[in-house]
Amino acid sequence: MKTTVLTKDAIQELLLDFLCQQFLVEKEDIELDKSLVDTGIIDSMGLIEISAYLQREYEIKITEEKMNRNNFGSVVKIVDFILREKDIN
């Protein structure tokens, strides 16, 4: 794993940095509790890119069943998903 400090805030900041760089969006344009798809920041290919990022950065195995709105519905949900998968409280 590349990230040494896995706190909720650190994970969220790294995810936001990735989203901004990958999808050419400003942090202030991302509503943390809103769907990235519904707000037009990403599409279905974006979900695959985020999934690849999570697998690479956090060594999380992401199956098709895990790629749902409960886990990938917003920045907050993605961060919570990472925390659950890495078993961080």
Protein backbone atom coordinates (compact mmCIF):
# COMPACT_ATOMS: atom_id res chain seq x y z
CA MET A 1 0.00 0.00 0.00
CA LYS A 2 1.34 3.40 -0.98
CA THR A 3 -0.50 5.40 1.67
CA THR A 4 1.14 5.28 5.07
CA VAL A 5 -1.43 7.15 7.17
CA LEU A 6 -4.93 5.77 6.71
CA THR A 7 -7.24 8.18 8.44
CA LYS A 8 -10.68 9.05 7.13
CA ASP A 9 -9.56 12.61 6.37
CA ALA A 10 -6.36 11.48 4.63
CA ILE A 11 -8.25 8.96 2.49
CA GLN A 12 -10.83 11.58 1.55
CA GLU A 13 -8.15 14.12 0.57
CA LEU A 14 -6.30 11.56 -1.56
CA LEU A 15 -9.55 10.54 -3.23
CA LEU A 16 -10.45 14.16 -3.94
CA ASP A 17 -6.98 14.78 -5.38
CA PHE A 18 -7.39 11.74 -7.63
CA LEU A 19 -10.86 12.84 -8.79
CA CYS A 20 -9.66 16.37 -9.54
CA GLN A 21 -6.65 15.18 -11.49
CA GLN A 22 -8.37 12.32 -13.32
CA PHE A 23 -11.66 14.02 -14.16
CA LEU A 24 -10.48 17.65 -14.44
CA VAL A 25 -12.80 19.00 -11.76
CA GLU A 26 -12.20 21.43 -8.91
CA LYS A 27 -12.51 20.23 -5.30
CA GLU A 28 -15.12 22.87 -4.54
CA ASP A 29 -17.27 21.45 -7.36
CA ILE A 30 -17.47 18.04 -5.69
CA GLU A 31 -20.31 17.64 -3.21
CA LEU A 32 -19.06 14.98 -0.82
CA ASP A 33 -22.46 13.42 -0.15
CA LYS A 34 -23.82 13.60 -3.72
CA SER A 35 -23.53 10.98 -6.43
CA LEU A 36 -20.53 11.55 -8.68
CA VAL A 37 -22.53 10.05 -11.55
CA ASP A 38 -25.71 12.05 -10.91
CA THR A 39 -23.76 15.31 -10.66
CA GLY A 40 -22.01 14.56 -13.97
CA ILE A 41 -18.48 14.34 -12.60
CA ILE A 42 -18.04 10.74 -13.76
CA ASP A 43 -19.78 8.19 -15.95
CA SER A 44 -19.66 4.39 -15.87
CA MET A 45 -16.08 4.43 -17.16
CA GLY A 46 -15.24 6.76 -14.30
CA LEU A 47 -16.46 4.15 -11.85
CA ILE A 48 -14.04 1.66 -13.39
CA GLU A 49 -11.20 4.19 -13.12
CA ILE A 50 -12.02 4.83 -9.44
CA SER A 51 -12.18 1.08 -8.85
CA ALA A 52 -8.75 0.62 -10.44
CA TYR A 53 -7.38 3.47 -8.29
CA LEU A 54 -8.73 1.88 -5.09
CA GLN A 55 -7.30 -1.51 -6.01
CA ARG A 56 -3.91 0.02 -6.82
CA GLU A 57 -3.70 2.51 -3.96
CA TYR A 58 -5.29 0.49 -1.14
CA GLU A 59 -4.86 -3.09 -2.39
CA ILE A 60 -8.60 -3.66 -2.18
CA LYS A 61 -10.11 -6.45 -4.26
CA ILE A 62 -13.23 -4.98 -5.85
CA THR A 63 -15.71 -7.41 -7.31
CA GLU A 64 -18.57 -6.42 -9.59
CA GLU A 65 -21.00 -6.94 -6.69
CA LYS A 66 -19.16 -4.32 -4.63
CA MET A 67 -19.51 -1.68 -7.37
CA ASN A 68 -22.88 -0.35 -6.28
CA ARG A 69 -24.40 2.90 -4.99
CA ASN A 70 -23.90 1.84 -1.38
CA ASN A 71 -20.14 1.70 -1.89
CA PHE A 72 -19.55 4.08 -4.82
CA GLY A 73 -22.52 6.47 -4.51
CA SER A 74 -20.52 9.51 -3.35
CA VAL A 75 -17.12 10.53 -2.00
CA VAL A 76 -18.37 9.88 1.54
CA LYS A 77 -19.56 6.39 0.56
CA ILE A 78 -16.30 5.57 -1.22
CA VAL A 79 -14.26 6.64 1.81
CA ASP A 80 -16.50 4.56 4.10
CA PHE A 81 -16.10 1.61 1.71
CA ILE A 82 -12.29 1.91 1.87
CA LEU A 83 -12.41 2.06 5.65
CA ARG A 84 -14.61 -1.05 5.80
CA GLU A 85 -12.50 -2.98 3.33
CA LYS A 86 -9.27 -2.10 5.15
CA ASP A 87 -10.99 -2.67 8.52
CA ILE A 88 -10.09 0.78 9.83
CA ASN A 89 -12.30 2.34 12.49
